[in-house]
Amino acid sequence: MAESIRNHRTVGSIAPSSKSLADLLAAPLRERAPRISNVLEVGAGTGSVTRVLLPRMSRGSCLDIVEANAHFAAHLRRLVRGYPHLQEQQEHVRVHNVCVEQLATDRRYDVIVSGLPFSNFSPRQVDEIMGHYFHLLRPGGTLTYFSYRGSRFVRTFLTSRPEASRQRDVKDLLNRYHHRYATGRWTVWGNLPPAQVWQLRRPLETVEASGVLTAQPDIAR
């Protein structure tokens, strides 16, 4: 709670994600098993989802964990160092204390799991982050993220008109990404507060005779 109050831009909840929510966010990695995967977790917080991802990492897979909050990043490093059966693969799991836009990597990811509180950001920041996610995803790669149900309506009544307008603009922006890339949506009623999980996929790409990359249509799940 204290971290949430002090740092509302990097901490979006007052309680850790539930096991059900973490399982849904990490589901694309389970579906890829036993293939080797590159995984990026952003906004890992206290590690609720990290604890679900770690045992699902097949040998040879890599996990990059991005956490802008220095206190949480230190906690995540301790979590990774102390995780059983990971000693021989420590070099494949890295914690980065940066914002995701500042992540220096040439790696492309099969799975990205985002815990960032988009409702705390400006539309421009959300668009930049989402665009960066799709740049980092391999063609066919999957992004999962969540938002809290009802939070926008509560803030509309409890905040100023400019703040309510910002919330609407963020929701409209995310809806455009959903319309173009979404392959699944679920509600986790047992989370505190209830959460909605979105799954988006970067389209597959092929090279036409002209040499131009074109997106292939997603297959409905």
C-alpha atoms as a PDB file:
ATOM      1  CA  MET A   1       0.000   0.000   0.000  1.00  0.00           C
ATOM      2  CA  ALA A   2       2.799   2.466   0.917  1.00  0.00           C
ATOM      3  CA  GLU A   3       4.594   1.836  -2.389  1.00  0.00           C
ATOM      4  CA  SER A   4       1.296   2.341  -4.235  1.00  0.00           C
ATOM      5  CA  ILE A   5       0.780   5.745  -2.634  1.00  0.00           C
ATOM      6  CA  ARG A   6       4.403   6.895  -3.101  1.00  0.00           C
ATOM      7  CA  ASN A   7       4.787   5.750  -6.688  1.00  0.00           C
ATOM      8  CA  HIS A   8       1.426   5.589  -8.452  1.00  0.00           C
ATOM      9  CA  ARG A   9       3.036   5.645 -11.888  1.00  0.00           C
ATOM     10  CA  THR A  10       4.840   2.322 -11.426  1.00  0.00           C
ATOM     11  CA  VAL A  11       2.554   0.682  -8.875  1.00  0.00           C
ATOM     12  CA  GLY A  12      -1.019   0.147  -9.985  1.00  0.00           C
ATOM     13  CA  SER A  13      -2.604  -2.013  -7.286  1.00  0.00           C
ATOM     14  CA  ILE A  14      -2.975  -2.170  -3.534  1.00  0.00           C
ATOM     15  CA  ALA A  15      -2.627  -5.975  -3.423  1.00  0.00           C
ATOM     16  CA  PRO A  16      -0.513  -8.545  -5.315  1.00  0.00           C
ATOM     17  CA  SER A  17      -2.074 -10.287  -8.304  1.00  0.00           C
ATOM     18  CA  SER A  18      -3.994 -13.442  -7.447  1.00  0.00           C
ATOM     19  CA  LYS A  19      -2.783 -16.880  -8.555  1.00  0.00           C
ATOM     20  CA  SER A  20      -5.666 -17.085 -11.048  1.00  0.00           C
ATOM     21  CA  LEU A  21      -4.709 -13.760 -12.607  1.00  0.00           C
ATOM     22  CA  ALA A  22      -1.030 -14.710 -12.737  1.00  0.00           C
ATOM     23  CA  ASP A  23      -1.875 -18.050 -14.381  1.00  0.00           C
ATOM     24  CA  LEU A  24      -3.876 -16.332 -17.136  1.00  0.00           C
ATOM     25  CA  LEU A  25      -1.157 -13.781 -17.787  1.00  0.00           C
ATOM     26  CA  ALA A  26       1.454 -16.553 -18.052  1.00  0.00           C
ATOM     27  CA  ALA A  27      -0.741 -18.921 -20.112  1.00  0.00           C
ATOM     28  CA  PRO A  28       1.001 -18.244 -23.471  1.00  0.00           C
ATOM     29  CA  LEU A  29       4.276 -19.570 -22.038  1.00  0.00           C
ATOM     30  CA  ARG A  30       2.585 -22.777 -20.890  1.00  0.00           C
ATOM     31  CA  GLU A  31       1.097 -23.196 -24.367  1.00  0.00           C
ATOM     32  CA  ARG A  32       4.570 -22.973 -25.925  1.00  0.00           C
ATOM     33  CA  ALA A  33       6.077 -25.749 -23.768  1.00  0.00           C
ATOM     34  CA  PRO A  34       8.418 -27.501 -24.228  1.00  0.00           C
ATOM     35  CA  ARG A  35       9.798 -25.131 -26.875  1.00  0.00           C
ATOM     36  CA  ILE A  36      12.561 -22.670 -25.977  1.00  0.00           C
ATOM     37  CA  SER A  37      11.084 -19.205 -25.451  1.00  0.00           C
ATOM     38  CA  ASN A  38      12.269 -15.660 -24.925  1.00  0.00           C
ATOM     39  CA  VAL A  39      10.006 -14.035 -22.324  1.00  0.00           C
ATOM     40  CA  LEU A  40       9.739 -10.422 -21.161  1.00  0.00           C
ATOM     41  CA  GLU A  41       7.878  -9.475 -17.996  1.00  0.00           C
ATOM     42  CA  VAL A  42       7.297  -5.737 -17.482  1.00  0.00           C
ATOM     43  CA  GLY A  43       6.121  -4.151 -14.249  1.00  0.00           C
ATOM     44  CA  ALA A  44       6.767  -7.297 -12.224  1.00  0.00           C
ATOM     45  CA  GLY A  45       6.153  -5.631  -8.846  1.00  0.00           C
ATOM     46  CA  THR A  46       6.619  -8.071  -5.968  1.00  0.00           C
ATOM     47  CA  GLY A  47       6.833 -11.075  -8.304  1.00  0.00           C
ATOM     48  CA  SER A  48       3.350 -12.627  -8.271  1.00  0.00           C
ATOM     49  CA  VAL A  49       3.541 -13.415 -11.987  1.00  0.00           C
ATOM     50  CA  THR A  50       7.306 -14.034 -11.896  1.00  0.00           C
ATOM     51  CA  ARG A  51       6.712 -16.942  -9.522  1.00  0.00           C
ATOM     52  CA  VAL A  52       4.379 -18.495 -12.102  1.00  0.00           C
ATOM     53  CA  LEU A  53       6.704 -17.851 -15.049  1.00  0.00           C
ATOM     54  CA  LEU A  54       9.882 -19.283 -13.510  1.00  0.00           C
ATOM     55  CA  PRO A  55       8.792 -22.937 -13.197  1.00  0.00           C
ATOM     56  CA  ARG A  56       7.363 -22.836 -16.747  1.00  0.00           C
ATOM     57  CA  MET A  57      10.664 -21.808 -18.337  1.00  0.00           C
ATOM     58  CA  SER A  58      11.952 -24.741 -20.369  1.00  0.00           C
ATOM     59  CA  ARG A  59      15.711 -25.361 -20.421  1.00  0.00           C
ATOM     60  CA  GLY A  60      17.423 -22.839 -22.674  1.00  0.00           C
ATOM     61  CA  SER A  61      14.646 -20.252 -22.385  1.00  0.00           C
ATOM     62  CA  CYS A  62      15.406 -16.659 -21.343  1.00  0.00           C
ATOM     63  CA  LEU A  63      13.429 -14.362 -19.053  1.00  0.00           C
ATOM     64  CA  ASP A  64      13.995 -10.602 -18.873  1.00  0.00           C
ATOM     65  CA  ILE A  65      12.212  -8.919 -15.956  1.00  0.00           C
ATOM     66  CA  VAL A  66      11.742  -5.144 -16.159  1.00  0.00           C
ATOM     67  CA  GLU A  67      10.797  -3.202 -13.022  1.00  0.00           C
ATOM     68  CA  ALA A  68      11.173   0.588 -12.772  1.00  0.00           C
ATOM     69  CA  ASN A  69      10.709   0.647  -8.977  1.00  0.00           C
ATOM     70  CA  ALA A  70      14.145   0.149  -7.391  1.00  0.00           C
ATOM     71  CA  HIS A  71      12.737  -1.400  -4.200  1.00  0.00           C
ATOM     72  CA  PHE A  72      10.764  -3.989  -6.147  1.00  0.00           C
ATOM     73  CA  ALA A  73      13.689  -4.661  -8.511  1.00  0.00           C
ATOM     74  CA  ALA A  74      15.927  -5.527  -5.550  1.00  0.00           C
ATOM     75  CA  HIS A  75      13.216  -7.849  -4.206  1.00  0.00           C
ATOM     76  CA  LEU A  76      12.936  -9.555  -7.609  1.00  0.00           C
ATOM     77  CA  ARG A  77      16.698 -10.143  -7.778  1.00  0.00           C
ATOM     78  CA  ARG A  78      16.534 -11.875  -4.397  1.00  0.00           C
ATOM     79  CA  LEU A  79      13.583 -13.928  -5.627  1.00  0.00           C
ATOM     80  CA  VAL A  80      15.473 -15.076  -8.725  1.00  0.00           C
ATOM     81  CA  ARG A  81      18.671 -15.868  -6.786  1.00  0.00           C
ATOM     82  CA  GLY A  82      16.758 -17.964  -4.277  1.00  0.00           C
ATOM     83  CA  TYR A  83      14.540 -19.810  -6.730  1.00  0.00           C
ATOM     84  CA  PRO A  84      15.106 -23.602  -6.527  1.00  0.00           C
ATOM     85  CA  HIS A  85      16.420 -25.518  -9.555  1.00  0.00           C
ATOM     86  CA  LEU A  86      17.465 -22.271 -11.271  1.00  0.00           C
ATOM     87  CA  GLN A  87      21.124 -22.184 -10.242  1.00  0.00           C
ATOM     88  CA  GLU A  88      22.372 -23.687 -13.501  1.00  0.00           C
ATOM     89  CA  GLN A  89      20.302 -21.203 -15.555  1.00  0.00           C
ATOM     90  CA  GLN A  90      20.887 -17.986 -13.615  1.00  0.00           C
ATOM     91  CA  GLU A  91      22.385 -16.287 -16.669  1.00  0.00           C
ATOM     92  CA  HIS A  92      19.098 -16.820 -18.536  1.00  0.00           C
ATOM     93  CA  VAL A  93      17.067 -14.723 -16.061  1.00  0.00           C
ATOM     94  CA  ARG A  94      17.851 -11.023 -15.731  1.00  0.00           C
ATOM     95  CA  VAL A  95      16.224  -8.221 -13.717  1.00  0.00           C
ATOM     96  CA  HIS A  96      16.432  -4.729 -15.231  1.00  0.00           C
ATOM     97  CA  ASN A  97      15.727  -1.693 -13.033  1.00  0.00           C
ATOM     98  CA  VAL A  98      14.604   0.564 -15.913  1.00  0.00           C
ATOM     99  CA  CYS A  99      11.455   1.689 -17.693  1.00  0.00           C
ATOM    100  CA  VAL A 100      10.659  -0.651 -20.568  1.00  0.00           C
ATOM    101  CA  GLU A 101      11.201   2.148 -23.101  1.00  0.00           C
ATOM    102  CA  GLN A 102      14.820   2.304 -21.848  1.00  0.00           C
ATOM    103  CA  LEU A 103      15.468  -1.443 -22.066  1.00  0.00           C
ATOM    104  CA  ALA A 104      18.604  -1.952 -24.171  1.00  0.00           C
ATOM    105  CA  THR A 105      18.235  -5.276 -25.950  1.00  0.00           C
ATOM    106  CA  ASP A 106      18.410  -6.786 -29.416  1.00  0.00           C
ATOM    107  CA  ARG A 107      16.374  -9.753 -28.202  1.00  0.00           C
ATOM    108  CA  ARG A 108      12.927 -10.445 -29.660  1.00  0.00           C
ATOM    109  CA  TYR A 109      10.318 -12.122 -27.481  1.00  0.00           C
ATOM    110  CA  ASP A 110       7.852 -14.944 -27.964  1.00  0.00           C
ATOM    111  CA  VAL A 111       5.855 -13.856 -24.906  1.00  0.00           C
ATOM    112  CA  ILE A 112       5.504 -10.468 -23.206  1.00  0.00           C
ATOM    113  CA  VAL A 113       3.599 -10.155 -19.920  1.00  0.00           C
ATOM    114  CA  SER A 114       2.793  -6.590 -18.869  1.00  0.00           C
ATOM    115  CA  GLY A 115       1.813  -5.573 -15.349  1.00  0.00           C
ATOM    116  CA  LEU A 116       2.047  -1.841 -16.029  1.00  0.00           C
ATOM    117  CA  PRO A 117      -0.846   0.290 -14.730  1.00  0.00           C
ATOM    118  CA  PHE A 118      -1.869   1.838 -18.040  1.00  0.00           C
ATOM    119  CA  SER A 119      -4.644   3.772 -16.321  1.00  0.00           C
ATOM    120  CA  ASN A 120      -1.927   5.834 -14.580  1.00  0.00           C
ATOM    121  CA  PHE A 121      -0.248   6.936 -17.823  1.00  0.00           C
ATOM    122  CA  SER A 122      -0.999   9.501 -20.494  1.00  0.00           C
ATOM    123  CA  PRO A 123      -2.355   8.320 -23.860  1.00  0.00           C
ATOM    124  CA  ARG A 124       0.967   9.244 -25.476  1.00  0.00           C
ATOM    125  CA  GLN A 125       2.900   7.101 -22.995  1.00  0.00           C
ATOM    126  CA  VAL A 126       0.539   4.151 -23.431  1.00  0.00           C
ATOM    127  CA  ASP A 127       0.844   4.369 -27.219  1.00  0.00           C
ATOM    128  CA  GLU A 128       4.644   4.507 -26.943  1.00  0.00           C
ATOM    129  CA  ILE A 129       4.761   1.493 -24.626  1.00  0.00           C
ATOM    130  CA  MET A 130       2.350  -0.590 -26.696  1.00  0.00           C
ATOM    131  CA  GLY A 131       4.251   0.262 -29.873  1.00  0.00           C
ATOM    132  CA  HIS A 132       7.483  -0.771 -28.163  1.00  0.00           C
ATOM    133  CA  TYR A 133       5.913  -4.076 -27.087  1.00  0.00           C
ATOM    134  CA  PHE A 134       4.956  -4.903 -30.666  1.00  0.00           C
ATOM    135  CA  HIS A 135       8.445  -3.943 -31.831  1.00  0.00           C
ATOM    136  CA  LEU A 136       9.960  -6.340 -29.277  1.00  0.00           C
ATOM    137  CA  LEU A 137       7.558  -9.194 -30.102  1.00  0.00           C
ATOM    138  CA  ARG A 138       8.501 -11.722 -32.729  1.00  0.00           C
ATOM    139  CA  PRO A 139       5.916 -12.183 -35.503  1.00  0.00           C
ATOM    140  CA  GLY A 140       3.333 -14.517 -33.983  1.00  0.00           C
ATOM    141  CA  GLY A 141       4.428 -13.533 -30.467  1.00  0.00           C
ATOM    142  CA  THR A 142       1.875 -12.917 -27.719  1.00  0.00           C
ATOM    143  CA  LEU A 143       1.325 -10.011 -25.320  1.00  0.00           C
ATOM    144  CA  THR A 144      -0.839 -10.326 -22.214  1.00  0.00           C
ATOM    145  CA  TYR A 145      -1.805  -7.504 -19.871  1.00  0.00           C
ATOM    146  CA  PHE A 146      -4.606  -6.722 -17.438  1.00  0.00           C
ATOM    147  CA  SER A 147      -6.754  -3.862 -16.241  1.00  0.00           C
ATOM    148  CA  TYR A 148      -9.101  -3.552 -13.296  1.00  0.00           C
ATOM    149  CA  ARG A 149     -12.819  -3.767 -13.985  1.00  0.00           C
ATOM    150  CA  GLY A 150     -14.810  -0.696 -13.041  1.00  0.00           C
ATOM    151  CA  SER A 151     -11.811   1.461 -12.172  1.00  0.00           C
ATOM    152  CA  ARG A 152     -12.458   3.911 -15.015  1.00  0.00           C
ATOM    153  CA  PHE A 153     -16.047   4.495 -13.897  1.00  0.00           C
ATOM    154  CA  VAL A 154     -14.980   5.047 -10.278  1.00  0.00           C
ATOM    155  CA  ARG A 155     -12.321   7.552 -11.335  1.00  0.00           C
ATOM    156  CA  THR A 156     -14.795   9.346 -13.600  1.00  0.00           C
ATOM    157  CA  PHE A 157     -16.943  10.202 -10.574  1.00  0.00           C
ATOM    158  CA  LEU A 158     -14.097  10.867  -8.134  1.00  0.00           C
ATOM    159  CA  THR A 159     -11.648  12.862 -10.271  1.00  0.00           C
ATOM    160  CA  SER A 160     -11.541  16.125 -12.201  1.00  0.00           C
ATOM    161  CA  ARG A 161     -12.872  16.533 -15.707  1.00  0.00           C
ATOM    162  CA  PRO A 162      -9.364  16.568 -17.304  1.00  0.00           C
ATOM    163  CA  GLU A 163      -8.485  13.371 -15.436  1.00  0.00           C
ATOM    164  CA  ALA A 164     -11.700  11.685 -16.566  1.00  0.00           C
ATOM    165  CA  SER A 165     -10.939  12.766 -20.139  1.00  0.00           C
ATOM    166  CA  ARG A 166      -7.451  11.267 -19.886  1.00  0.00           C
ATOM    167  CA  GLN A 167      -8.938   7.978 -18.708  1.00  0.00           C
ATOM    168  CA  ARG A 168     -11.330   7.882 -21.663  1.00  0.00           C
ATOM    169  CA  ASP A 169      -8.518   8.641 -24.102  1.00  0.00           C
ATOM    170  CA  VAL A 170      -6.375   5.808 -22.683  1.00  0.00           C
ATOM    171  CA  LYS A 171      -9.298   3.384 -22.938  1.00  0.00           C
ATOM    172  CA  ASP A 172     -10.027   4.442 -26.524  1.00  0.00           C
ATOM    173  CA  LEU A 173      -6.364   3.981 -27.450  1.00  0.00           C
ATOM    174  CA  LEU A 174      -6.217   0.490 -25.945  1.00  0.00           C
ATOM    175  CA  ASN A 175      -9.473  -0.405 -27.706  1.00  0.00           C
ATOM    176  CA  ARG A 176      -7.804   0.357 -31.032  1.00  0.00           C
ATOM    177  CA  TYR A 177      -5.049  -2.128 -30.189  1.00  0.00           C
ATOM    178  CA  HIS A 178      -7.692  -4.657 -29.097  1.00  0.00           C
ATOM    179  CA  HIS A 179      -9.605  -4.271 -32.353  1.00  0.00           C
ATOM    180  CA  ARG A 180      -6.463  -4.904 -34.387  1.00  0.00           C
ATOM    181  CA  TYR A 181      -4.574  -7.533 -32.376  1.00  0.00           C
ATOM    182  CA  ALA A 182      -6.725  -9.110 -29.623  1.00  0.00           C
ATOM    183  CA  THR A 183      -7.133 -12.905 -29.616  1.00  0.00           C
ATOM    184  CA  GLY A 184      -8.673 -13.367 -26.177  1.00  0.00           C
ATOM    185  CA  ARG A 185     -10.207 -11.646 -23.130  1.00  0.00           C
ATOM    186  CA  TRP A 186     -11.072 -13.072 -19.693  1.00  0.00           C
ATOM    187  CA  THR A 187     -12.358 -11.726 -16.376  1.00  0.00           C
ATOM    188  CA  VAL A 188     -10.839 -12.829 -13.066  1.00  0.00           C
ATOM    189  CA  TRP A 189     -13.557 -12.125 -10.504  1.00  0.00           C
ATOM    190  CA  GLY A 190     -11.538 -13.606  -7.634  1.00  0.00           C
ATOM    191  CA  ASN A 191      -8.805 -10.979  -7.925  1.00  0.00           C
ATOM    192  CA  LEU A 192      -8.749  -7.898  -5.660  1.00  0.00           C
ATOM    193  CA  PRO A 193     -10.109  -5.892  -7.388  1.00  0.00           C
ATOM    194  CA  PRO A 194     -11.587  -8.001 -10.242  1.00  0.00           C
ATOM    195  CA  ALA A 195      -9.374  -7.864 -13.315  1.00  0.00           C
ATOM    196  CA  GLN A 196      -9.749  -8.244 -17.057  1.00  0.00           C
ATOM    197  CA  VAL A 197      -6.962 -10.005 -18.954  1.00  0.00           C
ATOM    198  CA  TRP A 198      -6.291  -9.206 -22.597  1.00  0.00           C
ATOM    199  CA  GLN A 199      -4.236 -11.346 -24.970  1.00  0.00           C
ATOM    200  CA  LEU A 200      -2.869  -9.743 -28.139  1.00  0.00           C
ATOM    201  CA  ARG A 201      -0.750 -11.262 -30.890  1.00  0.00           C
ATOM    202  CA  ARG A 202       1.649  -9.693 -33.357  1.00  0.00           C
ATOM    203  CA  PRO A 203       0.580 -10.874 -36.817  1.00  0.00           C
ATOM    204  CA  LEU A 204       2.748 -13.273 -38.770  1.00  0.00           C
ATOM    205  CA  GLU A 205       4.571 -11.650 -41.649  1.00  0.00           C
ATOM    206  CA  THR A 206       5.593 -12.938 -45.054  1.00  0.00           C
ATOM    207  CA  VAL A 207       7.706 -11.464 -47.832  1.00  0.00           C
ATOM    208  CA  GLU A 208       5.791 -10.947 -51.067  1.00  0.00           C
ATOM    209  CA  ALA A 209       7.423 -11.067 -54.495  1.00  0.00           C
ATOM    210  CA  SER A 210       7.813  -7.291 -54.264  1.00  0.00           C
ATOM    211  CA  GLY A 211       9.916  -7.740 -51.130  1.00  0.00           C
ATOM    212  CA  VAL A 212       7.367  -5.949 -48.963  1.00  0.00           C
ATOM    213  CA  LEU A 213       6.483  -7.389 -45.554  1.00  0.00           C
ATOM    214  CA  THR A 214       2.754  -8.028 -45.179  1.00  0.00           C
ATOM    215  CA  ALA A 215       0.790  -9.092 -42.110  1.00  0.00           C
ATOM    216  CA  GLN A 216      -1.067 -12.378 -42.219  1.00  0.00           C
ATOM    217  CA  PRO A 217      -4.519 -12.528 -40.582  1.00  0.00           C
ATOM    218  CA  ASP A 218      -4.655 -13.965 -37.082  1.00  0.00           C
ATOM    219  CA  ILE A 219      -6.382 -17.289 -36.579  1.00  0.00           C
ATOM    220  CA  ALA A 220      -9.281 -17.016 -34.137  1.00  0.00           C
ATOM    221  CA  ARG A 221      -8.675 -18.898 -30.912  1.00  0.00           C
END
